[in-house]
């Protein structure tokens, strides 16, 4: 599979709402896969952006979420899926979020 972009993002857990740092890989087919670390041995999850994503909100559009300590609200991303669930992410910088 062709790689589009990879790097570290913070992901908010769905139960305790704690921020955890994961290694993310975006593939050309629209798969956004996240791993425990950059070795990509232990996959933590996958989002099929092309099929499952309804909306992506950025920065100030993510009103109901506090970014990780020391991070700006402008670095936030909210991936809204067709089933109504959301995956909250935070990039290291505003440029990385875009």
PDB file of N, CA and C in Angstrom:
ATOM      1  N   UNK A   1       0.831  -1.185   0.000  1.00  0.00           N
ATOM      2  CA  UNK A   1       0.000   0.000   0.000  1.00  0.00           C
ATOM      3  C   UNK A   1       0.875   1.247   0.000  1.00  0.00           C
ATOM      4  N   UNK A   2       0.500   2.240  -0.779  1.00  0.00           N
ATOM      5  CA  UNK A   2       1.279   3.470  -0.871  1.00  0.00           C
ATOM      6  C   UNK A   2       1.021   4.359   0.337  1.00  0.00           C
ATOM      7  N   UNK A   3       2.094   4.836   0.914  1.00  0.00           N
ATOM      8  CA  UNK A   3       2.059   5.687   2.100  1.00  0.00           C
ATOM      9  C   UNK A   3       1.909   7.146   1.696  1.00  0.00           C
ATOM     10  N   UNK A   4       0.996   7.871   2.334  1.00  0.00           N
ATOM     11  CA  UNK A   4       0.810   9.297   2.077  1.00  0.00           C
ATOM     12  C   UNK A   4       1.553  10.113   3.125  1.00  0.00           C
ATOM     13  N   UNK A   5       1.360   9.766   4.405  1.00  0.00           N
ATOM     14  CA  UNK A   5       1.992  10.511   5.494  1.00  0.00           C
ATOM     15  C   UNK A   5       2.026   9.632   6.725  1.00  0.00           C
ATOM     16  N   UNK A   6       3.046   9.827   7.554  1.00  0.00           N
ATOM     17  CA  UNK A   6       3.116   9.113   8.826  1.00  0.00           C
ATOM     18  C   UNK A   6       3.720  10.032   9.869  1.00  0.00           C
ATOM     19  N   UNK A   7       3.397   9.759  11.126  1.00  0.00           N
ATOM     20  CA  UNK A   7       3.958  10.550  12.214  1.00  0.00           C
ATOM     21  C   UNK A   7       3.175  10.381  13.501  1.00  0.00           C
ATOM     22  N   UNK A   8       3.634  11.062  14.531  1.00  0.00           N
ATOM     23  CA  UNK A   8       3.017  10.982  15.849  1.00  0.00           C
ATOM     24  C   UNK A   8       1.808  11.897  15.954  1.00  0.00           C
ATOM     25  N   UNK A   9       0.741  11.382  16.539  1.00  0.00           N
ATOM     26  CA  UNK A   9      -0.444  12.165  16.889  1.00  0.00           C
ATOM     27  C   UNK A   9      -0.893  11.729  18.280  1.00  0.00           C
ATOM     28  N   UNK A  10      -1.522  12.626  18.982  1.00  0.00           N
ATOM     29  CA  UNK A  10      -2.161  12.284  20.244  1.00  0.00           C
ATOM     30  C   UNK A  10      -3.579  11.837  19.927  1.00  0.00           C
ATOM     31  N   UNK A  11      -4.034  10.755  20.575  1.00  0.00           N
ATOM     32  CA  UNK A  11      -5.389  10.230  20.378  1.00  0.00           C
ATOM     33  C   UNK A  11      -6.072  10.156  21.737  1.00  0.00           C
ATOM     34  N   UNK A  12      -7.296  10.661  21.790  1.00  0.00           N
ATOM     35  CA  UNK A  12      -8.029  10.634  23.046  1.00  0.00           C
ATOM     36  C   UNK A  12      -8.755   9.297  23.185  1.00  0.00           C
ATOM     37  N   UNK A  13      -8.565   8.628  24.333  1.00  0.00           N
ATOM     38  CA  UNK A  13      -9.225   7.342  24.553  1.00  0.00           C
ATOM     39  C   UNK A  13     -10.734   7.552  24.658  1.00  0.00           C
ATOM     40  N   UNK A  14     -11.484   6.559  24.240  1.00  0.00           N
ATOM     41  CA  UNK A  14     -12.943   6.698  24.203  1.00  0.00           C
ATOM     42  C   UNK A  14     -13.585   6.544  25.578  1.00  0.00           C
ATOM     43  N   UNK A  15     -12.938   5.850  26.500  1.00  0.00           N
ATOM     44  CA  UNK A  15     -13.559   5.601  27.801  1.00  0.00           C
ATOM     45  C   UNK A  15     -13.151   6.644  28.842  1.00  0.00           C
ATOM     46  N   UNK A  16     -11.873   6.770  29.120  1.00  0.00           N
ATOM     47  CA  UNK A  16     -11.408   7.688  30.162  1.00  0.00           C
ATOM     48  C   UNK A  16     -11.060   9.083  29.639  1.00  0.00           C
ATOM     49  N   UNK A  17     -11.093   9.250  28.324  1.00  0.00           N
ATOM     50  CA  UNK A  17     -10.796  10.533  27.681  1.00  0.00           C
ATOM     51  C   UNK A  17      -9.376  11.033  27.965  1.00  0.00           C
ATOM     52  N   UNK A  18      -8.465  10.102  28.181  1.00  0.00           N
ATOM     53  CA  UNK A  18      -7.057  10.461  28.375  1.00  0.00           C
ATOM     54  C   UNK A  18      -6.373  10.507  27.019  1.00  0.00           C
ATOM     55  N   UNK A  19      -5.362  11.348  26.914  1.00  0.00           N
ATOM     56  CA  UNK A  19      -4.612  11.484  25.675  1.00  0.00           C
ATOM     57  C   UNK A  19      -3.446  10.498  25.668  1.00  0.00           C
ATOM     58  N   UNK A  20      -3.296   9.796  24.552  1.00  0.00           N
ATOM     59  CA  UNK A  20      -2.234   8.819  24.373  1.00  0.00           C
ATOM     60  C   UNK A  20      -1.546   9.101  23.038  1.00  0.00           C
ATOM     61  N   UNK A  21      -0.244   9.015  23.014  1.00  0.00           N
ATOM     62  CA  UNK A  21       0.515   9.272  21.794  1.00  0.00           C
ATOM     63  C   UNK A  21       0.638   7.975  20.990  1.00  0.00           C
ATOM     64  N   UNK A  22       0.245   8.035  19.707  1.00  0.00           N
ATOM     65  CA  UNK A  22       0.324   6.887  18.804  1.00  0.00           C
ATOM     66  C   UNK A  22       1.033   7.280  17.516  1.00  0.00           C
ATOM     67  N   UNK A  23       1.608   6.280  16.861  1.00  0.00           N
ATOM     68  CA  UNK A  23       2.208   6.458  15.540  1.00  0.00           C
ATOM     69  C   UNK A  23       1.117   6.206  14.505  1.00  0.00           C
ATOM     70  N   UNK A  24       0.825   7.196  13.670  1.00  0.00           N
ATOM     71  CA  UNK A  24      -0.235   7.097  12.662  1.00  0.00           C
ATOM     72  C   UNK A  24       0.353   6.998  11.268  1.00  0.00           C
ATOM     73  N   UNK A  25      -0.306   6.215  10.426  1.00  0.00           N
ATOM     74  CA  UNK A  25       0.077   6.079   9.024  1.00  0.00           C
ATOM     75  C   UNK A  25      -1.177   6.252   8.176  1.00  0.00           C
ATOM     76  N   UNK A  26      -1.130   7.194   7.235  1.00  0.00           N
ATOM     77  CA  UNK A  26      -2.224   7.407   6.293  1.00  0.00           C
ATOM     78  C   UNK A  26      -1.798   6.827   4.955  1.00  0.00           C
ATOM     79  N   UNK A  27      -2.612   5.898   4.458  1.00  0.00           N
ATOM     80  CA  UNK A  27      -2.319   5.241   3.187  1.00  0.00           C
ATOM     81  C   UNK A  27      -3.173   5.836   2.074  1.00  0.00           C
ATOM     82  N   UNK A  28      -2.717   5.679   0.847  1.00  0.00           N
ATOM     83  CA  UNK A  28      -3.391   6.217  -0.326  1.00  0.00           C
ATOM     84  C   UNK A  28      -4.819   5.707  -0.471  1.00  0.00           C
ATOM     85  N   UNK A  29      -5.104   4.508   0.001  1.00  0.00           N
ATOM     86  CA  UNK A  29      -6.460   3.947  -0.109  1.00  0.00           C
ATOM     87  C   UNK A  29      -7.430   4.550   0.917  1.00  0.00           C
ATOM     88  N   UNK A  30      -6.942   5.467   1.768  1.00  0.00           N
ATOM     89  CA  UNK A  30      -7.803   6.116   2.748  1.00  0.00           C
ATOM     90  C   UNK A  30      -7.777   5.492   4.124  1.00  0.00           C
ATOM     91  N   UNK A  31      -6.941   4.497   4.334  1.00  0.00           N
ATOM     92  CA  UNK A  31      -6.816   3.875   5.658  1.00  0.00           C
ATOM     93  C   UNK A  31      -5.911   4.720   6.550  1.00  0.00           C
ATOM     94  N   UNK A  32      -6.417   5.050   7.716  1.00  0.00           N
ATOM     95  CA  UNK A  32      -5.625   5.729   8.734  1.00  0.00           C
ATOM     96  C   UNK A  32      -5.413   4.702   9.845  1.00  0.00           C
ATOM     97  N   UNK A  33      -4.199   4.201   9.943  1.00  0.00           N
ATOM     98  CA  UNK A  33      -3.879   3.119  10.874  1.00  0.00           C
ATOM     99  C   UNK A  33      -3.013   3.687  11.988  1.00  0.00           C
ATOM    100  N   UNK A  34      -3.306   3.282  13.225  1.00  0.00           N
ATOM    101  CA  UNK A  34      -2.456   3.751  14.319  1.00  0.00           C
ATOM    102  C   UNK A  34      -1.898   2.585  15.111  1.00  0.00           C
ATOM    103  N   UNK A  35      -0.648   2.809  15.520  1.00  0.00           N
ATOM    104  CA  UNK A  35       0.154   1.786  16.163  1.00  0.00           C
ATOM    105  C   UNK A  35       0.638   2.273  17.523  1.00  0.00           C
ATOM    106  N   UNK A  36       1.114   1.325  18.314  1.00  0.00           N
ATOM    107  CA  UNK A  36       1.679   1.641  19.624  1.00  0.00           C
ATOM    108  C   UNK A  36       2.914   2.536  19.462  1.00  0.00           C
ATOM    109  N   UNK A  37       3.760   2.232  18.474  1.00  0.00           N
ATOM    110  CA  UNK A  37       4.959   3.046  18.229  1.00  0.00           C
ATOM    111  C   UNK A  37       5.360   2.956  16.754  1.00  0.00           C
ATOM    112  N   UNK A  38       6.461   3.600  16.406  1.00  0.00           N
ATOM    113  CA  UNK A  38       6.858   3.704  15.001  1.00  0.00           C
ATOM    114  C   UNK A  38       7.371   2.399  14.400  1.00  0.00           C
ATOM    115  N   UNK A  39       7.562   1.356  15.201  1.00  0.00           N
ATOM    116  CA  UNK A  39       7.959   0.061  14.633  1.00  0.00           C
ATOM    117  C   UNK A  39       6.808  -0.576  13.853  1.00  0.00           C
ATOM    118  N   UNK A  40       5.591  -0.126  14.104  1.00  0.00           N
ATOM    119  CA  UNK A  40       4.377  -0.580  13.420  1.00  0.00           C
ATOM    120  C   UNK A  40       4.122  -2.070  13.610  1.00  0.00           C
ATOM    121  N   UNK A  41       4.548  -2.620  14.757  1.00  0.00           N
ATOM    122  CA  UNK A  41       4.307  -4.031  15.046  1.00  0.00           C
ATOM    123  C   UNK A  41       2.945  -4.261  15.690  1.00  0.00           C
ATOM    124  N   UNK A  42       2.577  -3.391  16.612  1.00  0.00           N
ATOM    125  CA  UNK A  42       1.326  -3.564  17.354  1.00  0.00           C
ATOM    126  C   UNK A  42       0.290  -2.534  16.917  1.00  0.00           C
ATOM    127  N   UNK A  43      -0.634  -2.949  16.035  1.00  0.00           N
ATOM    128  CA  UNK A  43      -1.669  -2.038  15.549  1.00  0.00           C
ATOM    129  C   UNK A  43      -2.705  -1.824  16.652  1.00  0.00           C
ATOM    130  N   UNK A  44      -2.991  -0.556  16.952  1.00  0.00           N
ATOM    131  CA  UNK A  44      -4.004  -0.226  17.950  1.00  0.00           C
ATOM    132  C   UNK A  44      -5.378  -0.035  17.326  1.00  0.00           C
ATOM    133  N   UNK A  45      -5.422   0.358  16.047  1.00  0.00           N
ATOM    134  CA  UNK A  45      -6.705   0.570  15.403  1.00  0.00           C
ATOM    135  C   UNK A  45      -6.576   1.052  13.977  1.00  0.00           C
ATOM    136  N   UNK A  46      -7.728   1.142  13.316  1.00  0.00           N
ATOM    137  CA  UNK A  46      -7.768   1.564  11.908  1.00  0.00           C
ATOM    138  C   UNK A  46      -9.068   2.316  11.667  1.00  0.00           C
ATOM    139  N   UNK A  47      -8.964   3.396  10.909  1.00  0.00           N
ATOM    140  CA  UNK A  47     -10.136   4.150  10.478  1.00  0.00           C
ATOM    141  C   UNK A  47     -10.106   4.170   8.953  1.00  0.00           C
ATOM    142  N   UNK A  48     -11.180   3.717   8.336  1.00  0.00           N
ATOM    143  CA  UNK A  48     -11.276   3.761   6.873  1.00  0.00           C
ATOM    144  C   UNK A  48     -11.894   5.109   6.494  1.00  0.00           C
ATOM    145  N   UNK A  49     -11.038   6.099   6.332  1.00  0.00           N
ATOM    146  CA  UNK A  49     -11.477   7.469   6.059  1.00  0.00           C
ATOM    147  C   UNK A  49     -12.387   7.526   4.833  1.00  0.00           C
ATOM    148  N   UNK A  50     -12.017   6.827   3.793  1.00  0.00           N
ATOM    149  CA  UNK A  50     -12.751   6.876   2.525  1.00  0.00           C
ATOM    150  C   UNK A  50     -14.192   6.377   2.670  1.00  0.00           C
ATOM    151  N   UNK A  51     -14.427   5.372   3.527  1.00  0.00           N
ATOM    152  CA  UNK A  51     -15.742   4.761   3.650  1.00  0.00           C
ATOM    153  C   UNK A  51     -16.475   5.126   4.940  1.00  0.00           C
ATOM    154  N   UNK A  52     -15.745   5.331   6.018  1.00  0.00           N
ATOM    155  CA  UNK A  52     -16.365   5.501   7.335  1.00  0.00           C
ATOM    156  C   UNK A  52     -16.495   6.946   7.786  1.00  0.00           C
ATOM    157  N   UNK A  53     -15.741   7.844   7.184  1.00  0.00           N
ATOM    158  CA  UNK A  53     -15.693   9.228   7.653  1.00  0.00           C
ATOM    159  C   UNK A  53     -16.836  10.064   7.085  1.00  0.00           C
ATOM    160  N   UNK A  54     -17.514  10.775   7.971  1.00  0.00           N
ATOM    161  CA  UNK A  54     -18.586  11.685   7.559  1.00  0.00           C
ATOM    162  C   UNK A  54     -18.094  13.127   7.532  1.00  0.00           C
ATOM    163  N   UNK A  55     -17.162  13.463   8.450  1.00  0.00           N
ATOM    164  CA  UNK A  55     -16.693  14.847   8.571  1.00  0.00           C
ATOM    165  C   UNK A  55     -15.362  14.869   9.311  1.00  0.00           C
ATOM    166  N   UNK A  56     -14.550  15.867   9.028  1.00  0.00           N
ATOM    167  CA  UNK A  56     -13.331  16.120   9.793  1.00  0.00           C
ATOM    168  C   UNK A  56     -13.381  17.573  10.229  1.00  0.00           C
ATOM    169  N   UNK A  57     -13.315  17.771  11.528  1.00  0.00           N
ATOM    170  CA  UNK A  57     -13.324  19.123  12.095  1.00  0.00           C
ATOM    171  C   UNK A  57     -11.931  19.437  12.605  1.00  0.00           C
ATOM    172  N   UNK A  58     -11.559  20.698  12.508  1.00  0.00           N
ATOM    173  CA  UNK A  58     -10.217  21.095  12.932  1.00  0.00           C
ATOM    174  C   UNK A  58     -10.265  22.289  13.870  1.00  0.00           C
ATOM    175  N   UNK A  59      -9.217  22.415  14.651  1.00  0.00           N
ATOM    176  CA  UNK A  59      -9.002  23.591  15.487  1.00  0.00           C
ATOM    177  C   UNK A  59     -10.188  24.022  16.317  1.00  0.00           C
ATOM    178  N   UNK A  60     -10.626  25.251  16.102  1.00  0.00           N
ATOM    179  CA  UNK A  60     -11.703  25.854  16.892  1.00  0.00           C
ATOM    180  C   UNK A  60     -13.058  25.184  16.692  1.00  0.00           C
ATOM    181  N   UNK A  61     -13.204  24.373  15.644  1.00  0.00           N
ATOM    182  CA  UNK A  61     -14.454  23.619  15.432  1.00  0.00           C
ATOM    183  C   UNK A  61     -14.609  22.493  16.460  1.00  0.00           C
ATOM    184  N   UNK A  62     -13.538  22.161  17.158  1.00  0.00           N
ATOM    185  CA  UNK A  62     -13.549  21.102  18.179  1.00  0.00           C
ATOM    186  C   UNK A  62     -13.793  21.732  19.547  1.00  0.00           C
ATOM    187  N   UNK A  63     -14.932  22.366  19.707  1.00  0.00           N
ATOM    188  CA  UNK A  63     -15.244  23.146  20.908  1.00  0.00           C
ATOM    189  C   UNK A  63     -15.349  22.311  22.179  1.00  0.00           C
ATOM    190  N   UNK A  64     -15.839  21.107  22.077  1.00  0.00           N
ATOM    191  CA  UNK A  64     -16.139  20.303  23.259  1.00  0.00           C
ATOM    192  C   UNK A  64     -14.958  19.472  23.774  1.00  0.00           C
ATOM    193  N   UNK A  65     -13.737  19.767  23.298  1.00  0.00           N
ATOM    194  CA  UNK A  65     -12.566  18.965  23.675  1.00  0.00           C
ATOM    195  C   UNK A  65     -11.431  19.862  24.148  1.00  0.00           C
ATOM    196  N   UNK A  66     -10.782  19.442  25.217  1.00  0.00           N
ATOM    197  CA  UNK A  66      -9.583  20.121  25.688  1.00  0.00           C
ATOM    198  C   UNK A  66      -8.370  19.404  25.109  1.00  0.00           C
ATOM    199  N   UNK A  67      -7.448  20.139  24.481  1.00  0.00           N
ATOM    200  CA  UNK A  67      -6.253  19.483  23.931  1.00  0.00           C
ATOM    201  C   UNK A  67      -5.351  18.969  25.055  1.00  0.00           C
ATOM    202  N   UNK A  68      -4.398  18.110  24.729  1.00  0.00           N
ATOM    203  CA  UNK A  68      -3.445  17.652  25.742  1.00  0.00           C
ATOM    204  C   UNK A  68      -2.688  18.846  26.330  1.00  0.00           C
ATOM    205  N   UNK A  69      -2.198  18.670  27.526  1.00  0.00           N
ATOM    206  CA  UNK A  69      -1.484  19.751  28.202  1.00  0.00           C
ATOM    207  C   UNK A  69      -0.321  20.248  27.341  1.00  0.00           C
ATOM    208  N   UNK A  70      -0.254  21.559  27.186  1.00  0.00           N
ATOM    209  CA  UNK A  70       0.814  22.173  26.411  1.00  0.00           C
ATOM    210  C   UNK A  70       0.542  22.276  24.924  1.00  0.00           C
ATOM    211  N   UNK A  71      -0.586  21.767  24.465  1.00  0.00           N
ATOM    212  CA  UNK A  71      -0.929  21.812  23.033  1.00  0.00           C
ATOM    213  C   UNK A  71      -2.010  22.846  22.790  1.00  0.00           C
ATOM    214  N   UNK A  72      -1.986  23.433  21.616  1.00  0.00           N
ATOM    215  CA  UNK A  72      -2.949  24.451  21.224  1.00  0.00           C
ATOM    216  C   UNK A  72      -4.227  23.800  20.673  1.00  0.00           C
ATOM    217  N   UNK A  73      -5.340  24.481  20.865  1.00  0.00           N
ATOM    218  CA  UNK A  73      -6.609  24.027  20.290  1.00  0.00           C
ATOM    219  C   UNK A  73      -6.515  23.971  18.760  1.00  0.00           C
ATOM    220  N   UNK A  74      -5.659  24.774  18.169  1.00  0.00           N
ATOM    221  CA  UNK A  74      -5.489  24.793  16.719  1.00  0.00           C
ATOM    222  C   UNK A  74      -4.892  23.495  16.170  1.00  0.00           C
ATOM    223  N   UNK A  75      -4.363  22.646  17.045  1.00  0.00           N
ATOM    224  CA  UNK A  75      -3.764  21.373  16.637  1.00  0.00           C
ATOM    225  C   UNK A  75      -4.766  20.217  16.669  1.00  0.00           C
ATOM    226  N   UNK A  76      -6.008  20.483  17.100  1.00  0.00           N
ATOM    227  CA  UNK A  76      -7.007  19.427  17.254  1.00  0.00           C
ATOM    228  C   UNK A  76      -7.638  19.008  15.926  1.00  0.00           C
ATOM    229  N   UNK A  77      -7.991  17.734  15.850  1.00  0.00           N
ATOM    230  CA  UNK A  77      -8.731  17.164  14.724  1.00  0.00           C
ATOM    231  C   UNK A  77      -9.808  16.258  15.295  1.00  0.00           C
ATOM    232  N   UNK A  78     -11.004  16.360  14.769  1.00  0.00           N
ATOM    233  CA  UNK A  78     -12.092  15.477  15.170  1.00  0.00           C
ATOM    234  C   UNK A  78     -12.569  14.741  13.925  1.00  0.00           C
ATOM    235  N   UNK A  79     -12.400  13.421  13.923  1.00  0.00           N
ATOM    236  CA  UNK A  79     -12.840  12.591  12.801  1.00  0.00           C
ATOM    237  C   UNK A  79     -14.204  12.023  13.188  1.00  0.00           C
ATOM    238  N   UNK A  80     -15.253  12.485  12.513  1.00  0.00           N
ATOM    239  CA  UNK A  80     -16.619  12.050  12.800  1.00  0.00           C
ATOM    240  C   UNK A  80     -16.964  10.927  11.829  1.00  0.00           C
ATOM    241  N   UNK A  81     -17.324   9.783  12.389  1.00  0.00           N
ATOM    242  CA  UNK A  81     -17.612   8.612  11.569  1.00  0.00           C
ATOM    243  C   UNK A  81     -19.109   8.489  11.287  1.00  0.00           C
ATOM    244  N   UNK A  82     -19.441   7.723  10.278  1.00  0.00           N
ATOM    245  CA  UNK A  82     -20.841   7.551   9.857  1.00  0.00           C
ATOM    246  C   UNK A  82     -21.716   6.944  10.953  1.00  0.00           C
ATOM    247  N   UNK A  83     -21.124   6.164  11.851  1.00  0.00           N
ATOM    248  CA  UNK A  83     -21.905   5.564  12.939  1.00  0.00           C
ATOM    249  C   UNK A  83     -22.152   6.538  14.092  1.00  0.00           C
ATOM    250  N   UNK A  84     -21.682   7.787  13.947  1.00  0.00           N
ATOM    251  CA  UNK A  84     -21.886   8.805  14.969  1.00  0.00           C
ATOM    252  C   UNK A  84     -20.752   8.943  15.969  1.00  0.00           C
ATOM    253  N   UNK A  85     -19.828   7.986  15.970  1.00  0.00           N
ATOM    254  CA  UNK A  85     -18.701   8.075  16.897  1.00  0.00           C
ATOM    255  C   UNK A  85     -17.670   9.078  16.385  1.00  0.00           C
ATOM    256  N   UNK A  86     -16.809   9.520  17.304  1.00  0.00           N
ATOM    257  CA  UNK A  86     -15.771  10.485  16.956  1.00  0.00           C
ATOM    258  C   UNK A  86     -14.431   9.961  17.433  1.00  0.00           C
ATOM    259  N   UNK A  87     -13.391  10.248  16.668  1.00  0.00           N
ATOM    260  CA  UNK A  87     -12.028   9.996  17.087  1.00  0.00           C
ATOM    261  C   UNK A  87     -11.354  11.351  17.200  1.00  0.00           C
ATOM    262  N   UNK A  88     -10.893  11.667  18.411  1.00  0.00           N
ATOM    263  CA  UNK A  88     -10.244  12.953  18.658  1.00  0.00           C
ATOM    264  C   UNK A  88      -8.737  12.778  18.561  1.00  0.00           C
ATOM    265  N   UNK A  89      -8.105  13.647  17.752  1.00  0.00           N
ATOM    266  CA  UNK A  89      -6.665  13.605  17.552  1.00  0.00           C
ATOM    267  C   UNK A  89      -6.086  14.982  17.809  1.00  0.00           C
ATOM    268  N   UNK A  90      -4.807  15.017  18.124  1.00  0.00           N
ATOM    269  CA  UNK A  90      -4.108  16.290  18.290  1.00  0.00           C
ATOM    270  C   UNK A  90      -2.710  16.145  17.700  1.00  0.00           C
ATOM    271  N   UNK A  91      -2.375  17.044  16.801  1.00  0.00           N
ATOM    272  CA  UNK A  91      -1.066  17.034  16.157  1.00  0.00           C
ATOM    273  C   UNK A  91      -0.056  17.822  16.997  1.00  0.00           C
ATOM    274  N   UNK A  92       1.193  17.691  16.649  1.00  0.00           N
ATOM    275  CA  UNK A  92       2.248  18.417  17.369  1.00  0.00           C
ATOM    276  C   UNK A  92       2.236  19.906  17.045  1.00  0.00           C
ATOM    277  N   UNK A  93       1.740  20.249  15.847  1.00  0.00           N
ATOM    278  CA  UNK A  93       1.681  21.649  15.437  1.00  0.00           C
ATOM    279  C   UNK A  93       0.456  21.874  14.549  1.00  0.00           C
ATOM    280  N   UNK A  94       0.105  23.121  14.341  1.00  0.00           N
ATOM    281  CA  UNK A  94      -1.022  23.444  13.467  1.00  0.00           C
ATOM    282  C   UNK A  94      -0.751  22.997  12.036  1.00  0.00           C
ATOM    283  N   UNK A  95       0.502  23.144  11.581  1.00  0.00           N
ATOM    284  CA  UNK A  95       0.866  22.710  10.236  1.00  0.00           C
ATOM    285  C   UNK A  95       0.692  21.203  10.067  1.00  0.00           C
ATOM    286  N   UNK A  96       1.094  20.429  11.090  1.00  0.00           N
ATOM    287  CA  UNK A  96       0.923  18.974  11.026  1.00  0.00           C
ATOM    288  C   UNK A  96      -0.560  18.597  10.999  1.00  0.00           C
ATOM    289  N   UNK A  97      -1.390  19.359  11.715  1.00  0.00           N
ATOM    290  CA  UNK A  97      -2.829  19.084  11.724  1.00  0.00           C
ATOM    291  C   UNK A  97      -3.428  19.277  10.332  1.00  0.00           C
ATOM    292  N   UNK A  98      -2.961  20.279   9.627  1.00  0.00           N
ATOM    293  CA  UNK A  98      -3.479  20.529   8.274  1.00  0.00           C
ATOM    294  C   UNK A  98      -2.985  19.459   7.318  1.00  0.00           C
TER     295      UNK A  98
END
